[in-house]
Amino acid sequence: MSEPRNIILNQEQVLQKIKRMAYQICEHNLKEKSVVLVGIFPQGYHLAALLVKELEEVAPFEVILAKLELDKQKPLLSDIKLDIAPDKLDQKAIVLVDDVLNTGKTMAYSFKPFLNRNLKKLETAVLVNRSHKRFPISANYQGIELATTLSEHIVVVLEESDKYAALE
């Protein structure tokens, strides 16, 4: 698959950003026994899986991968599915992961399964932070922050043999 012309991050840069984010997550959670990375499906989940792979190399704590699914277009009309038992989240550090943070809407709706749990902390990680906040959501860990217009679209590809972020 050929990369688009407006590349923000090429494959090497994406992998470098993921490695750096993994080290930051590790450093900020050194005292934890386990950390749960919850990826917003589809791309956030793929990013979370890549972060887990890096964390398993360096982290002294157990790393757990979980998937969160919701309808990003109609979040109020759909169920939010989490593939980990809710009680497995209690007293855990959670990192909610998505590929792009745009307005904060997806992240805000994704918090719902965690609101009634007794978490140690809930952090966020994104590969690209666009900074067009309509909701008071910020990224604790980010690969890159970009100033873009609302009409521009960021595409993140995290396939096995092809990884990049591009502006459309």
Protein backbone atom coordinates (compact mmCIF):
# COMPACT_ATOMS: atom_id res chain seq x y z
CA MET A 1 0.00 0.00 0.00
CA SER A 2 1.46 3.36 -0.94
CA GLU A 3 1.57 6.21 1.54
CA PRO A 4 -0.40 9.41 0.83
CA ARG A 5 1.53 12.55 -0.03
CA ASN A 6 0.79 14.55 3.14
CA ILE A 7 2.62 12.31 5.58
CA ILE A 8 2.81 13.59 9.14
CA LEU A 9 4.56 10.52 10.55
CA ASN A 10 6.18 7.79 8.46
CA GLN A 11 6.51 4.21 9.68
CA GLU A 12 9.83 4.79 11.45
CA GLN A 13 8.48 7.91 13.18
CA VAL A 14 5.26 6.14 14.24
CA LEU A 15 7.30 3.35 15.82
CA GLN A 16 9.56 5.90 17.56
CA LYS A 17 6.53 7.76 18.97
CA ILE A 18 4.99 4.51 20.22
CA LYS A 19 8.25 3.52 21.92
CA ARG A 20 8.55 6.95 23.57
CA MET A 21 4.91 6.83 24.73
CA ALA A 22 5.50 3.35 26.19
CA TYR A 23 8.49 4.62 28.17
CA GLN A 24 6.44 7.55 29.46
CA ILE A 25 3.59 5.24 30.52
CA CYS A 26 6.15 3.02 32.24
CA GLU A 27 7.81 5.94 34.05
CA HIS A 28 4.49 7.33 35.30
CA ASN A 29 3.28 3.96 36.54
CA LEU A 30 6.41 2.41 38.06
CA LYS A 31 4.74 1.77 41.41
CA GLU A 32 1.78 -0.08 39.88
CA LYS A 33 1.42 -3.86 39.95
CA SER A 34 -0.52 -3.80 36.69
CA VAL A 35 -1.69 -1.30 34.09
CA VAL A 36 -4.65 -1.83 31.77
CA LEU A 37 -4.44 -0.32 28.30
CA VAL A 38 -7.95 0.03 26.89
CA GLY A 39 -7.94 0.66 23.16
CA ILE A 40 -10.92 2.30 21.46
CA PHE A 41 -11.68 -0.01 18.53
CA PRO A 42 -10.53 -0.10 15.82
CA GLN A 43 -7.43 2.13 15.53
CA GLY A 44 -7.07 2.93 19.22
CA TYR A 45 -7.08 -0.79 19.95
CA HIS A 46 -4.32 -1.39 17.38
CA LEU A 47 -2.29 1.43 18.93
CA ALA A 48 -2.86 -0.01 22.41
CA ALA A 49 -1.64 -3.43 21.20
CA LEU A 50 1.55 -1.83 19.87
CA LEU A 51 2.04 0.02 23.16
CA VAL A 52 1.52 -3.23 25.10
CA LYS A 53 4.19 -4.91 22.98
CA GLU A 54 6.67 -2.12 23.82
CA LEU A 55 5.68 -2.03 27.50
CA GLU A 56 6.20 -5.77 27.89
CA GLU A 57 9.85 -5.15 26.98
CA VAL A 58 10.49 -2.46 29.62
CA ALA A 59 7.77 -2.35 32.28
CA PRO A 60 8.22 -4.02 35.66
CA PHE A 61 4.42 -4.32 35.98
CA GLU A 62 1.85 -6.57 34.34
CA VAL A 63 0.34 -5.03 31.19
CA ILE A 64 -3.23 -5.95 30.27
CA LEU A 65 -4.83 -5.16 26.90
CA ALA A 66 -8.58 -4.53 26.65
CA LYS A 67 -10.86 -3.44 23.81
CA LEU A 68 -13.60 -0.83 24.02
CA GLU A 69 -16.19 -0.60 21.24
CA LEU A 70 -18.71 2.18 20.68
CA ASP A 71 -20.47 3.80 17.75
CA LYS A 72 -18.46 7.00 17.32
CA GLN A 73 -21.17 8.57 15.16
CA LYS A 74 -24.06 7.79 17.56
CA PRO A 75 -22.51 7.16 20.98
CA LEU A 76 -25.73 7.88 22.90
CA LEU A 77 -27.73 5.35 20.88
CA SER A 78 -25.31 2.44 21.18
CA ASP A 79 -23.96 0.28 23.94
CA ILE A 80 -20.34 0.63 24.93
CA LYS A 81 -18.70 -2.80 24.97
CA LEU A 82 -15.64 -3.55 27.06
CA ASP A 83 -14.02 -6.96 26.65
CA ILE A 84 -12.72 -7.11 30.22
CA ALA A 85 -14.80 -7.84 33.30
CA PRO A 86 -15.56 -4.51 35.04
CA ASP A 87 -14.31 -5.80 38.42
CA LYS A 88 -10.88 -6.43 36.82
CA LEU A 89 -10.55 -2.64 36.56
CA ASP A 90 -10.90 -1.95 40.28
CA GLN A 91 -7.75 -0.56 41.91
CA LYS A 92 -5.98 -0.50 38.55
CA ALA A 93 -4.27 2.23 36.57
CA ILE A 94 -6.09 2.54 33.26
CA VAL A 95 -4.79 4.14 30.06
CA LEU A 96 -7.54 4.81 27.51
CA VAL A 97 -5.97 4.77 24.02
CA ASP A 98 -7.16 6.17 20.68
CA ASP A 99 -5.36 7.04 17.47
CA VAL A 100 -6.45 10.69 17.14
CA LEU A 101 -7.77 13.14 19.72
CA ASN A 102 -9.84 15.70 17.85
CA THR A 103 -12.74 17.28 19.77
CA GLY A 104 -12.58 14.93 22.76
CA LYS A 105 -16.09 13.59 22.12
CA THR A 106 -15.11 9.94 21.57
CA MET A 107 -12.87 9.95 24.65
CA ALA A 108 -15.57 11.60 26.75
CA TYR A 109 -18.15 8.93 25.84
CA SER A 110 -15.53 6.22 26.33
CA PHE A 111 -15.17 7.16 30.00
CA LYS A 112 -18.65 5.78 30.78
CA PRO A 113 -17.62 2.18 31.68
CA PHE A 114 -15.06 3.55 34.15
CA LEU A 115 -17.27 6.02 36.03
CA ASN A 116 -18.72 3.49 38.49
CA ARG A 117 -15.44 1.64 39.08
CA ASN A 118 -12.94 2.20 41.86
CA LEU A 119 -9.93 2.99 39.65
CA LYS A 120 -6.53 4.07 40.90
CA LYS A 121 -6.31 6.48 37.96
CA LEU A 122 -7.52 6.96 34.39
CA GLU A 123 -5.12 8.42 31.85
CA THR A 124 -5.33 8.94 28.08
CA ALA A 125 -2.93 8.24 25.23
CA VAL A 126 -3.18 9.22 21.55
CA LEU A 127 -0.82 9.09 18.61
CA VAL A 128 -2.04 12.41 17.17
CA ASN A 129 -3.52 15.25 19.24
CA ARG A 130 -5.31 17.78 17.03
CA SER A 131 -6.25 20.19 19.83
CA HIS A 132 -9.78 21.03 18.62
CA LYS A 133 -11.36 20.53 22.02
CA ARG A 134 -15.10 20.79 22.48
CA PHE A 135 -14.83 18.63 25.60
CA PRO A 136 -12.31 19.18 28.40
CA ILE A 137 -10.22 16.15 27.46
CA SER A 138 -6.45 16.18 27.28
CA ALA A 139 -3.90 13.53 26.43
CA ASN A 140 -1.55 12.38 29.16
CA TYR A 141 0.59 10.70 26.50
CA GLN A 142 0.76 11.82 22.87
CA GLY A 143 2.93 11.03 19.90
CA ILE A 144 2.54 14.39 18.18
CA GLU A 145 0.40 17.51 18.57
CA LEU A 146 -0.75 19.29 15.41
CA ALA A 147 -2.44 22.55 14.58
CA THR A 148 -4.96 21.67 11.87
CA THR A 149 -8.18 23.13 10.56
CA LEU A 150 -11.49 21.50 11.43
CA SER A 151 -12.02 20.57 7.78
CA GLU A 152 -8.77 18.60 7.60
CA HIS A 153 -8.82 14.90 8.39
CA ILE A 154 -6.06 12.82 9.95
CA VAL A 155 -5.69 9.22 8.80
CA VAL A 156 -3.73 6.79 10.95
CA VAL A 157 -2.74 3.43 9.50
CA LEU A 158 -1.36 0.82 11.92
CA GLU A 159 -1.22 -2.29 9.79
CA GLU A 160 1.40 -5.01 10.28
CA SER A 161 3.57 -3.87 7.35
CA ASP A 162 2.35 -0.29 6.90
CA LYS A 163 2.22 2.38 9.59
CA TYR A 164 1.82 6.11 9.09
CA ALA A 165 -0.22 9.20 9.95
CA ALA A 166 -1.28 11.54 7.15
CA LEU A 167 -3.28 14.69 6.62
CA GLU A 168 -6.16 14.50 4.13
